[in-house]
Amino acid sequence: MENVTKHNVISNRHHMNVVIEIGTECITVSNPIVPRPKESSSRIGLNYITTLYRQHGKEFKVENDGKTFRAVIPYIMVDANEK
């Protein structure tokens, strides 16, 4: 959700519709791409999340077709007894 506000124009003229789908294996978040002018991305945040998911044997996916940004976020099961 932070990426939606960080990388897109959101205003009265450019409404932002975010779709959140909750499935049995993952949560999917998607939104139209309305890029901010002169916005660049280091991808540090997405790379960090990807690394964390790999450490748990899961794959965090990002899809960008130029019109829609979509993040597929698998569930990570954590044992409640772990500290």
PDB file of N, CA and C in Angstrom:
ATOM      1  N   MET A   1       0.829  -1.187   0.000  1.00  0.00           N
ATOM      2  CA  MET A   1       0.000   0.000   0.000  1.00  0.00           C
ATOM      3  C   MET A   1       0.877   1.255   0.000  1.00  0.00           C
ATOM      4  N   GLU A   2       2.003   1.188   0.673  1.00  0.00           N
ATOM      5  CA  GLU A   2       2.892   2.349   0.710  1.00  0.00           C
ATOM      6  C   GLU A   2       3.380   2.701  -0.699  1.00  0.00           C
ATOM      7  N   ASN A   3       3.650   1.685  -1.507  1.00  0.00           N
ATOM      8  CA  ASN A   3       4.100   1.937  -2.879  1.00  0.00           C
ATOM      9  C   ASN A   3       3.043   2.647  -3.706  1.00  0.00           C
ATOM     10  N   VAL A   4       1.771   2.383  -3.428  1.00  0.00           N
ATOM     11  CA  VAL A   4       0.690   3.041  -4.176  1.00  0.00           C
ATOM     12  C   VAL A   4       0.792   4.550  -4.017  1.00  0.00           C
ATOM     13  N   THR A   5       0.953   5.012  -2.785  1.00  0.00           N
ATOM     14  CA  THR A   5       0.998   6.456  -2.535  1.00  0.00           C
ATOM     15  C   THR A   5       2.354   7.069  -2.884  1.00  0.00           C
ATOM     16  N   LYS A   6       3.399   6.288  -2.776  1.00  0.00           N
ATOM     17  CA  LYS A   6       4.742   6.803  -3.043  1.00  0.00           C
ATOM     18  C   LYS A   6       4.997   7.031  -4.531  1.00  0.00           C
ATOM     19  N   HIS A   7       4.472   6.151  -5.379  1.00  0.00           N
ATOM     20  CA  HIS A   7       4.848   6.172  -6.793  1.00  0.00           C
ATOM     21  C   HIS A   7       3.763   6.674  -7.744  1.00  0.00           C
ATOM     22  N   ASN A   8       2.581   6.982  -7.237  1.00  0.00           N
ATOM     23  CA  ASN A   8       1.482   7.375  -8.116  1.00  0.00           C
ATOM     24  C   ASN A   8       0.904   8.735  -7.753  1.00  0.00           C
ATOM     25  N   VAL A   9       0.352   9.399  -8.763  1.00  0.00           N
ATOM     26  CA  VAL A   9      -0.398  10.634  -8.551  1.00  0.00           C
ATOM     27  C   VAL A   9      -1.780  10.230  -8.041  1.00  0.00           C
ATOM     28  N   ILE A  10      -2.183  10.825  -6.925  1.00  0.00           N
ATOM     29  CA  ILE A  10      -3.523  10.601  -6.379  1.00  0.00           C
ATOM     30  C   ILE A  10      -4.107  11.972  -6.080  1.00  0.00           C
ATOM     31  N   SER A  11      -5.226  12.286  -6.734  1.00  0.00           N
ATOM     32  CA  SER A  11      -5.839  13.598  -6.570  1.00  0.00           C
ATOM     33  C   SER A  11      -7.318  13.505  -6.934  1.00  0.00           C
ATOM     34  N   ASN A  12      -8.010  14.636  -6.876  1.00  0.00           N
ATOM     35  CA  ASN A  12      -9.403  14.660  -7.306  1.00  0.00           C
ATOM     36  C   ASN A  12      -9.526  14.265  -8.779  1.00  0.00           C
ATOM     37  N   ARG A  13      -8.540  14.615  -9.546  1.00  0.00           N
ATOM     38  CA  ARG A  13      -8.553  14.300 -10.976  1.00  0.00           C
ATOM     39  C   ARG A  13      -8.095  12.861 -11.246  1.00  0.00           C
ATOM     40  N   HIS A  14      -7.168  12.372 -10.432  1.00  0.00           N
ATOM     41  CA  HIS A  14      -6.614  11.023 -10.593  1.00  0.00           C
ATOM     42  C   HIS A  14      -6.952  10.193  -9.362  1.00  0.00           C
ATOM     43  N   HIS A  15      -8.132   9.608  -9.388  1.00  0.00           N
ATOM     44  CA  HIS A  15      -8.546   8.742  -8.289  1.00  0.00           C
ATOM     45  C   HIS A  15      -7.731   7.450  -8.346  1.00  0.00           C
ATOM     46  N   MET A  16      -7.510   6.862  -7.182  1.00  0.00           N
ATOM     47  CA  MET A  16      -6.756   5.618  -7.137  1.00  0.00           C
ATOM     48  C   MET A  16      -7.664   4.512  -6.611  1.00  0.00           C
ATOM     49  N   ASN A  17      -7.836   3.484  -7.413  1.00  0.00           N
ATOM     50  CA  ASN A  17      -8.614   2.322  -7.008  1.00  0.00           C
ATOM     51  C   ASN A  17      -7.658   1.175  -6.745  1.00  0.00           C
ATOM     52  N   VAL A  18      -7.570   0.769  -5.491  1.00  0.00           N
ATOM     53  CA  VAL A  18      -6.718  -0.339  -5.098  1.00  0.00           C
ATOM     54  C   VAL A  18      -7.609  -1.551  -4.878  1.00  0.00           C
ATOM     55  N   VAL A  19      -7.234  -2.660  -5.484  1.00  0.00           N
ATOM     56  CA  VAL A  19      -7.992  -3.898  -5.327  1.00  0.00           C
ATOM     57  C   VAL A  19      -7.170  -4.846  -4.466  1.00  0.00           C
ATOM     58  N   ILE A  20      -7.774  -5.325  -3.378  1.00  0.00           N
ATOM     59  CA  ILE A  20      -7.127  -6.288  -2.492  1.00  0.00           C
ATOM     60  C   ILE A  20      -7.937  -7.569  -2.539  1.00  0.00           C
ATOM     61  N   GLU A  21      -7.278  -8.634  -2.967  1.00  0.00           N
ATOM     62  CA  GLU A  21      -7.923  -9.938  -3.040  1.00  0.00           C
ATOM     63  C   GLU A  21      -7.292 -10.847  -1.998  1.00  0.00           C
ATOM     64  N   ILE A  22      -8.129 -11.431  -1.151  1.00  0.00           N
ATOM     65  CA  ILE A  22      -7.645 -12.327  -0.109  1.00  0.00           C
ATOM     66  C   ILE A  22      -7.996 -13.752  -0.520  1.00  0.00           C
ATOM     67  N   GLY A  23      -6.966 -14.531  -0.796  1.00  0.00           N
ATOM     68  CA  GLY A  23      -7.155 -15.910  -1.230  1.00  0.00           C
ATOM     69  C   GLY A  23      -6.678 -16.889  -0.181  1.00  0.00           C
ATOM     70  N   THR A  24      -6.740 -18.151  -0.522  1.00  0.00           N
ATOM     71  CA  THR A  24      -6.326 -19.195   0.421  1.00  0.00           C
ATOM     72  C   THR A  24      -4.814 -19.328   0.513  1.00  0.00           C
ATOM     73  N   GLU A  25      -4.094 -18.937  -0.544  1.00  0.00           N
ATOM     74  CA  GLU A  25      -2.638 -19.068  -0.583  1.00  0.00           C
ATOM     75  C   GLU A  25      -1.902 -17.734  -0.452  1.00  0.00           C
ATOM     76  N   CYS A  26      -2.607 -16.636  -0.800  1.00  0.00           N
ATOM     77  CA  CYS A  26      -1.921 -15.348  -0.840  1.00  0.00           C
ATOM     78  C   CYS A  26      -2.915 -14.190  -0.811  1.00  0.00           C
ATOM     79  N   ILE A  27      -2.360 -12.999  -0.661  1.00  0.00           N
ATOM     80  CA  ILE A  27      -3.097 -11.752  -0.807  1.00  0.00           C
ATOM     81  C   ILE A  27      -2.540 -11.069  -2.051  1.00  0.00           C
ATOM     82  N   THR A  28      -3.419 -10.544  -2.891  1.00  0.00           N
ATOM     83  CA  THR A  28      -3.000  -9.833  -4.095  1.00  0.00           C
ATOM     84  C   THR A  28      -3.475  -8.389  -3.995  1.00  0.00           C
ATOM     85  N   VAL A  29      -2.552  -7.465  -4.209  1.00  0.00           N
ATOM     86  CA  VAL A  29      -2.863  -6.040  -4.193  1.00  0.00           C
ATOM     87  C   VAL A  29      -2.539  -5.492  -5.571  1.00  0.00           C
ATOM     88  N   SER A  30      -3.518  -4.824  -6.214  1.00  0.00           N
ATOM     89  CA  SER A  30      -3.261  -4.260  -7.531  1.00  0.00           C
ATOM     90  C   SER A  30      -3.849  -2.859  -7.641  1.00  0.00           C
ATOM     91  N   ASN A  31      -3.207  -2.073  -8.481  1.00  0.00           N
ATOM     92  CA  ASN A  31      -3.657  -0.701  -8.699  1.00  0.00           C
ATOM     93  C   ASN A  31      -3.220  -0.228 -10.075  1.00  0.00           C
ATOM     94  N   PRO A  32      -3.975   0.734 -10.649  1.00  0.00           N
ATOM     95  CA  PRO A  32      -3.536   1.310 -11.917  1.00  0.00           C
ATOM     96  C   PRO A  32      -2.268   2.140 -11.690  1.00  0.00           C
ATOM     97  N   ILE A  33      -1.472   2.248 -12.716  1.00  0.00           N
ATOM     98  CA  ILE A  33      -0.238   3.032 -12.635  1.00  0.00           C
ATOM     99  C   ILE A  33      -0.509   4.429 -13.178  1.00  0.00           C
ATOM    100  N   VAL A  34      -0.329   5.425 -12.317  1.00  0.00           N
ATOM    101  CA  VAL A  34      -0.410   6.843 -12.693  1.00  0.00           C
ATOM    102  C   VAL A  34       0.856   7.473 -12.118  1.00  0.00           C
ATOM    103  N   PRO A  35       1.982   7.340 -12.827  1.00  0.00           N
ATOM    104  CA  PRO A  35       3.274   7.716 -12.242  1.00  0.00           C
ATOM    105  C   PRO A  35       3.403   9.191 -11.904  1.00  0.00           C
ATOM    106  N   ARG A  36       4.074   9.428 -10.784  1.00  0.00           N
ATOM    107  CA  ARG A  36       4.423  10.803 -10.418  1.00  0.00           C
ATOM    108  C   ARG A  36       5.479  11.295 -11.408  1.00  0.00           C
ATOM    109  N   PRO A  37       5.477  12.580 -11.706  1.00  0.00           N
ATOM    110  CA  PRO A  37       6.506  13.106 -12.616  1.00  0.00           C
ATOM    111  C   PRO A  37       7.904  12.957 -12.012  1.00  0.00           C
ATOM    112  N   LYS A  38       8.841  12.553 -12.853  1.00  0.00           N
ATOM    113  CA  LYS A  38      10.255  12.440 -12.468  1.00  0.00           C
ATOM    114  C   LYS A  38      10.457  11.559 -11.238  1.00  0.00           C
ATOM    115  N   GLU A  39       9.643  10.560 -11.067  1.00  0.00           N
ATOM    116  CA  GLU A  39       9.776   9.645  -9.934  1.00  0.00           C
ATOM    117  C   GLU A  39      10.714   8.509 -10.326  1.00  0.00           C
ATOM    118  N   SER A  40      11.704   8.267  -9.511  1.00  0.00           N
ATOM    119  CA  SER A  40      12.584   7.130  -9.743  1.00  0.00           C
ATOM    120  C   SER A  40      12.467   6.192  -8.548  1.00  0.00           C
ATOM    121  N   SER A  41      12.792   4.958  -8.781  1.00  0.00           N
ATOM    122  CA  SER A  41      12.664   3.961  -7.728  1.00  0.00           C
ATOM    123  C   SER A  41      13.970   3.204  -7.592  1.00  0.00           C
ATOM    124  N   SER A  42      14.398   3.019  -6.367  1.00  0.00           N
ATOM    125  CA  SER A  42      15.595   2.233  -6.103  1.00  0.00           C
ATOM    126  C   SER A  42      15.268   0.753  -6.009  1.00  0.00           C
ATOM    127  N   ARG A  43      13.990   0.421  -5.835  1.00  0.00           N
ATOM    128  CA  ARG A  43      13.497  -0.945  -5.658  1.00  0.00           C
ATOM    129  C   ARG A  43      14.051  -1.595  -4.404  1.00  0.00           C
ATOM    130  N   ILE A  44      14.628  -0.815  -3.499  1.00  0.00           N
ATOM    131  CA  ILE A  44      15.182  -1.367  -2.262  1.00  0.00           C
ATOM    132  C   ILE A  44      14.101  -2.074  -1.458  1.00  0.00           C
ATOM    133  N   GLY A  45      12.931  -1.438  -1.322  1.00  0.00           N
ATOM    134  CA  GLY A  45      11.846  -2.028  -0.537  1.00  0.00           C
ATOM    135  C   GLY A  45      11.368  -3.346  -1.114  1.00  0.00           C
ATOM    136  N   LEU A  46      11.131  -3.396  -2.423  1.00  0.00           N
ATOM    137  CA  LEU A  46      10.672  -4.636  -3.053  1.00  0.00           C
ATOM    138  C   LEU A  46      11.739  -5.718  -3.004  1.00  0.00           C
ATOM    139  N   ASN A  47      12.993  -5.343  -3.181  1.00  0.00           N
ATOM    140  CA  ASN A  47      14.075  -6.329  -3.093  1.00  0.00           C
ATOM    141  C   ASN A  47      14.188  -6.890  -1.681  1.00  0.00           C
ATOM    142  N   TYR A  48      14.022  -6.055  -0.684  1.00  0.00           N
ATOM    143  CA  TYR A  48      14.076  -6.498   0.712  1.00  0.00           C
ATOM    144  C   TYR A  48      12.958  -7.490   1.010  1.00  0.00           C
ATOM    145  N   ILE A  49      11.734  -7.154   0.592  1.00  0.00           N
ATOM    146  CA  ILE A  49      10.595  -8.047   0.824  1.00  0.00           C
ATOM    147  C   ILE A  49      10.803  -9.377   0.097  1.00  0.00           C
ATOM    148  N   THR A  50      11.305  -9.323  -1.130  1.00  0.00           N
ATOM    149  CA  THR A  50      11.569 -10.541  -1.890  1.00  0.00           C
ATOM    150  C   THR A  50      12.557 -11.436  -1.162  1.00  0.00           C
ATOM    151  N   THR A  51      13.610 -10.849  -0.623  1.00  0.00           N
ATOM    152  CA  THR A  51      14.621 -11.602   0.124  1.00  0.00           C
ATOM    153  C   THR A  51      14.019 -12.243   1.366  1.00  0.00           C
ATOM    154  N   LEU A  52      13.209 -11.497   2.101  1.00  0.00           N
ATOM    155  CA  LEU A  52      12.579 -12.055   3.296  1.00  0.00           C
ATOM    156  C   LEU A  52      11.692 -13.249   2.963  1.00  0.00           C
ATOM    157  N   TYR A  53      10.919 -13.138   1.905  1.00  0.00           N
ATOM    158  CA  TYR A  53      10.054 -14.257   1.519  1.00  0.00           C
ATOM    159  C   TYR A  53      10.862 -15.465   1.087  1.00  0.00           C
ATOM    160  N   ARG A  54      11.960 -15.268   0.376  1.00  0.00           N
ATOM    161  CA  ARG A  54      12.815 -16.393  -0.031  1.00  0.00           C
ATOM    162  C   ARG A  54      13.389 -17.113   1.180  1.00  0.00           C
ATOM    163  N   GLN A  55      13.688 -16.368   2.237  1.00  0.00           N
ATOM    164  CA  GLN A  55      14.204 -16.984   3.462  1.00  0.00           C
ATOM    165  C   GLN A  55      13.176 -17.927   4.088  1.00  0.00           C
ATOM    166  N   HIS A  56      11.913 -17.710   3.788  1.00  0.00           N
ATOM    167  CA  HIS A  56      10.837 -18.573   4.291  1.00  0.00           C
ATOM    168  C   HIS A  56      10.354 -19.560   3.236  1.00  0.00           C
ATOM    169  N   GLY A  57      11.087 -19.662   2.124  1.00  0.00           N
ATOM    170  CA  GLY A  57      10.734 -20.605   1.070  1.00  0.00           C
ATOM    171  C   GLY A  57       9.526 -20.198   0.245  1.00  0.00           C
ATOM    172  N   LYS A  58       9.227 -18.914   0.227  1.00  0.00           N
ATOM    173  CA  LYS A  58       8.070 -18.399  -0.518  1.00  0.00           C
ATOM    174  C   LYS A  58       8.539 -17.418  -1.583  1.00  0.00           C
ATOM    175  N   GLU A  59       7.671 -17.162  -2.569  1.00  0.00           N
ATOM    176  CA  GLU A  59       8.007 -16.215  -3.629  1.00  0.00           C
ATOM    177  C   GLU A  59       7.038 -15.034  -3.622  1.00  0.00           C
ATOM    178  N   PHE A  60       7.567 -13.849  -3.354  1.00  0.00           N
ATOM    179  CA  PHE A  60       6.834 -12.594  -3.450  1.00  0.00           C
ATOM    180  C   PHE A  60       6.951 -12.149  -4.902  1.00  0.00           C
ATOM    181  N   LYS A  61       5.825 -11.935  -5.571  1.00  0.00           N
ATOM    182  CA  LYS A  61       5.855 -11.595  -6.994  1.00  0.00           C
ATOM    183  C   LYS A  61       5.347 -10.178  -7.234  1.00  0.00           C
ATOM    184  N   VAL A  62       5.965  -9.514  -8.184  1.00  0.00           N
ATOM    185  CA  VAL A  62       5.516  -8.201  -8.638  1.00  0.00           C
ATOM    186  C   VAL A  62       5.296  -8.292 -10.135  1.00  0.00           C
ATOM    187  N   GLU A  63       4.138  -7.814 -10.576  1.00  0.00           N
ATOM    188  CA  GLU A  63       3.820  -7.781 -12.000  1.00  0.00           C
ATOM    189  C   GLU A  63       3.508  -6.341 -12.384  1.00  0.00           C
ATOM    190  N   ASN A  64       4.062  -5.905 -13.500  1.00  0.00           N
ATOM    191  CA  ASN A  64       3.859  -4.538 -13.977  1.00  0.00           C
ATOM    192  C   ASN A  64       3.777  -4.581 -15.491  1.00  0.00           C
ATOM    193  N   ASP A  65       2.569  -4.367 -16.022  1.00  0.00           N
ATOM    194  CA  ASP A  65       2.400  -4.387 -17.476  1.00  0.00           C
ATOM    195  C   ASP A  65       2.387  -2.979 -18.072  1.00  0.00           C
ATOM    196  N   GLY A  66       2.772  -1.997 -17.251  1.00  0.00           N
ATOM    197  CA  GLY A  66       2.783  -0.613 -17.698  1.00  0.00           C
ATOM    198  C   GLY A  66       1.484   0.123 -17.421  1.00  0.00           C
ATOM    199  N   LYS A  67       0.411  -0.617 -17.187  1.00  0.00           N
ATOM    200  CA  LYS A  67      -0.891  -0.021 -16.864  1.00  0.00           C
ATOM    201  C   LYS A  67      -1.343  -0.368 -15.443  1.00  0.00           C
ATOM    202  N   THR A  68      -0.969  -1.571 -14.991  1.00  0.00           N
ATOM    203  CA  THR A  68      -1.378  -2.043 -13.670  1.00  0.00           C
ATOM    204  C   THR A  68      -0.182  -2.603 -12.933  1.00  0.00           C
ATOM    205  N   PHE A  69      -0.064  -2.255 -11.657  1.00  0.00           N
ATOM    206  CA  PHE A  69       0.952  -2.808 -10.768  1.00  0.00           C
ATOM    207  C   PHE A  69       0.252  -3.822  -9.881  1.00  0.00           C
ATOM    208  N   ARG A  70       0.858  -4.985  -9.730  1.00  0.00           N
ATOM    209  CA  ARG A  70       0.229  -6.046  -8.941  1.00  0.00           C
ATOM    210  C   ARG A  70       1.289  -6.733  -8.091  1.00  0.00           C
ATOM    211  N   ALA A  71       1.009  -6.872  -6.802  1.00  0.00           N
ATOM    212  CA  ALA A  71       1.887  -7.593  -5.888  1.00  0.00           C
ATOM    213  C   ALA A  71       1.142  -8.825  -5.390  1.00  0.00           C
ATOM    214  N   VAL A  72       1.798  -9.980  -5.505  1.00  0.00           N
ATOM    215  CA  VAL A  72       1.236 -11.241  -5.028  1.00  0.00           C
ATOM    216  C   VAL A  72       2.024 -11.629  -3.791  1.00  0.00           C
ATOM    217  N   ILE A  73       1.331 -11.637  -2.651  1.00  0.00           N
ATOM    218  CA  ILE A  73       1.979 -11.781  -1.357  1.00  0.00           C
ATOM    219  C   ILE A  73       1.524 -13.079  -0.696  1.00  0.00           C
ATOM    220  N   PRO A  74       2.375 -14.113  -0.715  1.00  0.00           N
ATOM    221  CA  PRO A  74       1.976 -15.379  -0.107  1.00  0.00           C
ATOM    222  C   PRO A  74       1.972 -15.287   1.415  1.00  0.00           C
ATOM    223  N   TYR A  75       1.179 -16.134   2.024  1.00  0.00           N
ATOM    224  CA  TYR A  75       1.157 -16.200   3.488  1.00  0.00           C
ATOM    225  C   TYR A  75       2.406 -16.911   3.974  1.00  0.00           C
ATOM    226  N   ILE A  76       2.915 -16.459   5.103  1.00  0.00           N
ATOM    227  CA  ILE A  76       4.013 -17.139   5.783  1.00  0.00           C
ATOM    228  C   ILE A  76       3.446 -17.625   7.111  1.00  0.00           C
ATOM    229  N   MET A  77       3.489 -18.924   7.309  1.00  0.00           N
ATOM    230  CA  MET A  77       2.993 -19.496   8.554  1.00  0.00           C
ATOM    231  C   MET A  77       4.120 -19.508   9.570  1.00  0.00           C
ATOM    232  N   VAL A  78       3.865 -18.945  10.719  1.00  0.00           N
ATOM    233  CA  VAL A  78       4.849 -18.888  11.793  1.00  0.00           C
ATOM    234  C   VAL A  78       4.289 -19.645  12.977  1.00  0.00           C
ATOM    235  N   ASP A  79       5.119 -20.504  13.549  1.00  0.00           N
ATOM    236  CA  ASP A  79       4.714 -21.254  14.737  1.00  0.00           C
ATOM    237  C   ASP A  79       4.570 -20.289  15.894  1.00  0.00           C
ATOM    238  N   ALA A  80       3.411 -20.289  16.541  1.00  0.00           N
ATOM    239  CA  ALA A  80       3.136 -19.374  17.649  1.00  0.00           C
ATOM    240  C   ALA A  80       4.091 -19.597  18.821  1.00  0.00           C
ATOM    241  N   ASN A  81       4.718 -20.767  18.882  1.00  0.00           N
ATOM    242  CA  ASN A  81       5.646 -21.065  19.985  1.00  0.00           C
ATOM    243  C   ASN A  81       7.049 -20.553  19.716  1.00  0.00           C
ATOM    244  N   GLU A  82       7.321 -20.132  18.480  1.00  0.00           N
ATOM    245  CA  GLU A  82       8.642 -19.589  18.146  1.00  0.00           C
ATOM    246  C   GLU A  82       8.786 -18.186  18.696  1.00  0.00           C
ATOM    247  N   LYS A  83       9.984 -17.851  19.103  1.00  0.00           N
ATOM    248  CA  LYS A  83      10.237 -16.498  19.605  1.00  0.00           C
ATOM    249  C   LYS A  83      11.394 -15.883  18.901  1.00  0.00           C
TER     250      LYS A  83
END
